[in-house]
Amino acid sequence: TVLAIGNPLGELTFSMSQGIVSCCDRAINVSGTPFNMIQVDASINPGNSGGALVNTRGELVGINTAIASQTGSYSGYSFAVPTSIVRKVVNDIRQYGVVQRAILGVQMREITSELKKEKKLTTLQGAYVERVVPDGAAEKAGIKSGDVITRVDDAAVKTGTDLQEHIGRHRPGDVVNVTLLRDGKTMTVRATLTNRDGGTGVISAEDKAS
């Protein structure tokens, strides 16, 4: 059971709605970027974005962010960014003034039955590496096109969205262990994540403005 707190429609100050968590890792595309979000059936309408999603103990579960709707109003599907991501964003803003986005440097495809058959893969889970960005973190670590990434550090990667979320919890310059399948064999490489410019330093608010 969860409670969504907000200001729906910009008029109903400090409003609260109750619901349940339907899914903890629903892959949702927001403004062109996929996120693993918490799906709830608590009513969230425009004006609630940024409000707290809490459990019955008053503990923060996530931040209300989006709805799935054809009308612009709540229709049964609401989504919140989980606290694991919120915590990282808040710490970045406090420390650097801007969110730090770490980049692995791969283009991915979701693994379907057709792709598995075409590429003779041994699994339907993981992130298939379609292309490696030249001189990026993945290439320098030895990751190749055709690899299937299955784990980042201790976190399992079942989809491309999983991979993006796990990398998104890090900052440029962080070193991660990437476990992958290549020609049916499991191997692990160490990748030093980069920033948007290909370096390993953090981006300041001044850098972003420029």
Protein backbone atom coordinates (compact mmCIF):
# COMPACT_ATOMS: atom_id res chain seq x y z
CA THR A 1 0.00 0.00 0.00
CA VAL A 2 1.29 3.47 -0.95
CA LEU A 3 0.12 7.07 -0.66
CA ALA A 4 0.72 9.71 -3.34
CA ILE A 5 1.04 13.26 -2.03
CA GLY A 6 0.83 16.30 -4.28
CA ASN A 7 -1.08 19.27 -5.62
CA PRO A 8 -3.31 17.78 -8.36
CA LEU A 9 -4.52 20.08 -11.12
CA GLY A 10 -2.59 22.90 -9.45
CA GLU A 11 -5.61 23.63 -7.26
CA LEU A 12 -6.06 20.95 -4.59
CA THR A 13 -3.26 21.87 -2.19
CA PHE A 14 -1.77 19.00 -0.18
CA SER A 15 -3.90 16.23 -1.59
CA MET A 16 -3.38 12.52 -0.99
CA SER A 17 -4.49 9.40 -2.83
CA GLN A 18 -4.04 5.76 -1.90
CA GLY A 19 -3.15 2.76 -4.02
CA ILE A 20 -0.96 -0.29 -4.35
CA VAL A 21 2.32 -0.98 -6.10
CA SER A 22 1.56 -2.89 -9.29
CA CYS A 23 5.15 -3.33 -10.46
CA CYS A 24 8.55 -2.25 -9.13
CA ASP A 25 10.52 -2.13 -12.38
CA ARG A 26 8.21 -1.10 -15.20
CA ALA A 27 10.20 0.14 -18.21
CA ILE A 28 8.69 3.51 -19.16
CA ASN A 29 9.90 5.85 -21.91
CA VAL A 30 9.87 9.45 -20.69
CA SER A 31 10.93 12.17 -23.16
CA GLY A 32 12.82 9.61 -25.21
CA THR A 33 14.68 8.08 -22.27
CA PRO A 34 13.66 4.70 -20.76
CA PHE A 35 13.47 4.34 -16.99
CA ASN A 36 12.61 1.48 -14.66
CA MET A 37 9.80 3.01 -12.61
CA ILE A 38 7.44 2.01 -9.83
CA GLN A 39 3.94 1.50 -11.23
CA VAL A 40 1.08 2.31 -8.87
CA ASP A 41 -2.68 2.66 -9.14
CA ALA A 42 -2.89 5.65 -6.79
CA SER A 43 -4.52 8.61 -8.55
CA ILE A 44 -1.90 11.06 -9.85
CA ASN A 45 -2.98 14.01 -11.99
CA PRO A 46 -1.10 16.99 -13.48
CA GLY A 47 0.28 19.01 -10.57
CA ASN A 48 1.30 15.93 -8.59
CA SER A 49 4.65 15.52 -10.36
CA GLY A 50 7.45 15.92 -7.84
CA GLY A 51 5.28 14.85 -4.94
CA ALA A 52 6.20 12.06 -2.57
CA LEU A 53 5.11 8.45 -2.89
CA VAL A 54 5.28 6.95 0.61
CA ASN A 55 4.41 3.66 2.26
CA THR A 56 2.16 3.30 5.29
CA ARG A 57 5.16 3.84 7.61
CA GLY A 58 5.74 7.26 6.09
CA GLU A 59 8.92 6.13 4.33
CA LEU A 60 9.70 7.64 0.94
CA VAL A 61 9.30 5.06 -1.84
CA GLY A 62 9.63 7.31 -4.88
CA ILE A 63 8.81 10.62 -6.53
CA ASN A 64 5.57 10.85 -8.54
CA THR A 65 6.61 11.52 -12.11
CA ALA A 66 4.30 10.36 -14.90
CA ILE A 67 0.97 8.83 -15.91
CA ALA A 68 -0.12 6.72 -18.85
CA SER A 69 -3.15 8.45 -20.31
CA GLN A 70 -4.79 9.28 -23.63
CA THR A 71 -6.67 12.21 -22.12
CA GLY A 72 -4.02 13.91 -19.97
CA SER A 73 -5.79 12.86 -16.78
CA TYR A 74 -5.31 9.83 -14.53
CA SER A 75 -6.63 6.60 -16.03
CA GLY A 76 -5.28 3.93 -13.71
CA TYR A 77 -1.56 3.96 -14.46
CA SER A 78 0.84 6.14 -12.50
CA PHE A 79 4.62 5.97 -12.23
CA ALA A 80 7.20 7.11 -9.71
CA VAL A 81 11.00 7.32 -9.88
CA PRO A 82 12.39 4.95 -7.21
CA THR A 83 14.37 6.33 -4.29
CA SER A 84 17.55 4.58 -5.48
CA ILE A 85 17.63 7.02 -8.42
CA VAL A 86 16.26 9.99 -6.46
CA ARG A 87 19.02 9.69 -3.84
CA LYS A 88 21.73 9.80 -6.51
CA VAL A 89 20.15 12.81 -8.25
CA VAL A 90 19.81 14.76 -5.00
CA ASN A 91 23.40 14.04 -3.98
CA ASP A 92 24.68 15.10 -7.41
CA ILE A 93 22.81 18.40 -7.31
CA ARG A 94 24.00 19.14 -3.78
CA GLN A 95 27.61 18.35 -4.58
CA TYR A 96 27.99 19.48 -8.20
CA GLY A 97 24.96 21.62 -8.99
CA VAL A 98 23.97 19.30 -11.85
CA VAL A 99 23.11 15.62 -12.30
CA GLN A 100 26.12 13.51 -13.31
CA ARG A 101 25.34 11.12 -16.16
CA ALA A 102 27.74 8.24 -16.63
CA ILE A 103 28.06 6.68 -20.08
CA LEU A 104 29.15 3.16 -21.00
CA GLY A 105 29.19 3.80 -24.73
CA VAL A 106 27.06 1.08 -26.33
CA GLN A 107 23.99 0.99 -28.55
CA MET A 108 21.65 -1.84 -27.55
CA ARG A 109 18.84 -4.00 -28.85
CA GLU A 110 16.33 -5.86 -26.75
CA ILE A 111 16.67 -9.62 -27.14
CA THR A 112 13.66 -11.15 -28.86
CA SER A 113 13.11 -14.73 -30.00
CA GLU A 114 13.91 -13.59 -33.53
CA LEU A 115 17.17 -11.91 -32.50
CA LYS A 116 18.15 -14.92 -30.42
CA LYS A 117 17.68 -17.19 -33.41
CA GLU A 118 19.36 -14.81 -35.86
CA LYS A 119 22.45 -14.25 -33.71
CA LYS A 120 22.47 -17.78 -32.25
CA LEU A 121 22.31 -16.48 -28.71
CA THR A 122 21.92 -18.74 -25.69
CA THR A 123 19.61 -16.48 -23.64
CA LEU A 124 16.62 -14.17 -23.93
CA GLN A 125 17.79 -12.04 -21.02
CA GLY A 126 20.40 -9.31 -21.09
CA ALA A 127 21.28 -6.28 -23.23
CA TYR A 128 22.48 -7.12 -26.74
CA VAL A 129 25.30 -4.82 -27.87
CA GLU A 130 24.44 -3.67 -31.38
CA ARG A 131 27.30 -1.20 -31.64
CA VAL A 132 30.18 0.03 -29.50
CA VAL A 133 30.95 3.76 -29.51
CA PRO A 134 34.49 4.34 -30.81
CA ASP A 135 36.96 5.22 -28.06
CA GLY A 136 34.22 4.95 -25.43
CA ALA A 137 34.29 3.21 -22.07
CA ALA A 138 32.93 -0.05 -23.48
CA GLU A 139 35.43 -0.24 -26.33
CA LYS A 140 38.34 0.50 -24.01
CA ALA A 141 37.13 -2.26 -21.69
CA GLY A 142 37.05 -4.77 -24.53
CA ILE A 143 33.28 -4.98 -25.03
CA LYS A 144 32.38 -5.86 -28.62
CA SER A 145 29.38 -5.76 -30.91
CA GLY A 146 27.45 -9.00 -30.47
CA ASP A 147 28.15 -9.29 -26.75
CA VAL A 148 25.22 -9.76 -24.35
CA ILE A 149 25.62 -7.82 -21.11
CA THR A 150 24.07 -9.75 -18.21
CA ARG A 151 25.33 -7.98 -15.10
CA VAL A 152 26.81 -4.70 -13.86
CA ASP A 153 28.69 -5.29 -10.61
CA ASP A 154 26.22 -7.29 -8.49
CA ALA A 155 23.09 -6.15 -10.35
CA ALA A 156 21.48 -8.43 -12.93
CA VAL A 157 20.76 -7.00 -16.38
CA LYS A 158 17.66 -8.55 -17.93
CA THR A 159 16.87 -5.76 -20.40
CA GLY A 160 18.48 -2.73 -21.98
CA THR A 161 16.55 -0.55 -19.56
CA ASP A 162 18.14 -2.43 -16.66
CA LEU A 163 21.57 -1.65 -18.09
CA GLN A 164 20.78 2.05 -18.45
CA GLU A 165 19.44 2.23 -14.90
CA HIS A 166 22.47 0.49 -13.37
CA ILE A 167 24.90 2.71 -15.29
CA GLY A 168 22.77 5.74 -14.40
CA ARG A 169 23.43 5.16 -10.71
CA HIS A 170 27.10 5.93 -11.28
CA ARG A 171 29.15 9.02 -12.05
CA PRO A 172 31.80 9.62 -14.71
CA GLY A 173 35.09 8.10 -13.60
CA ASP A 174 33.45 5.23 -11.69
CA VAL A 175 34.79 1.77 -12.51
CA VAL A 176 32.23 -1.02 -12.93
CA ASN A 177 32.51 -4.75 -13.53
CA VAL A 178 30.53 -5.71 -16.63
CA THR A 179 29.66 -9.40 -17.02
CA LEU A 180 28.81 -10.50 -20.54
CA LEU A 181 28.25 -13.49 -22.79
CA ARG A 182 30.40 -13.87 -25.89
CA ASP A 183 30.15 -16.93 -28.11
CA GLY A 184 28.36 -18.74 -25.31
CA LYS A 185 31.08 -18.05 -22.76
CA THR A 186 30.81 -15.79 -19.70
CA MET A 187 33.46 -13.17 -19.06
CA THR A 188 33.84 -10.04 -16.93
CA VAL A 189 35.58 -6.79 -17.90
CA ARG A 190 36.22 -3.57 -16.00
CA ALA A 191 34.96 -0.35 -17.58
CA THR A 192 35.74 3.21 -16.52
CA LEU A 193 32.58 5.22 -17.24
CA THR A 194 32.80 8.54 -19.07
CA ASN A 195 30.88 11.80 -19.21
CA ARG A 196 29.06 13.19 -22.25
CA ASP A 197 32.33 14.58 -23.62
CA GLY A 198 34.17 11.27 -23.38
CA GLY A 199 36.24 12.24 -20.34
CA THR A 200 36.13 10.74 -16.88
CA GLY A 201 35.69 13.96 -14.89
CA VAL A 202 32.42 15.18 -13.42
CA ILE A 203 30.48 17.94 -15.19
CA SER A 204 29.93 21.18 -13.27
CA ALA A 205 26.93 23.45 -13.56
CA GLU A 206 29.17 25.91 -15.46
CA ASP A 207 30.21 23.19 -17.92
CA LYS A 208 26.57 22.31 -18.60
CA ALA A 209 25.64 25.96 -19.13
CA SER A 210 28.40 26.37 -21.69
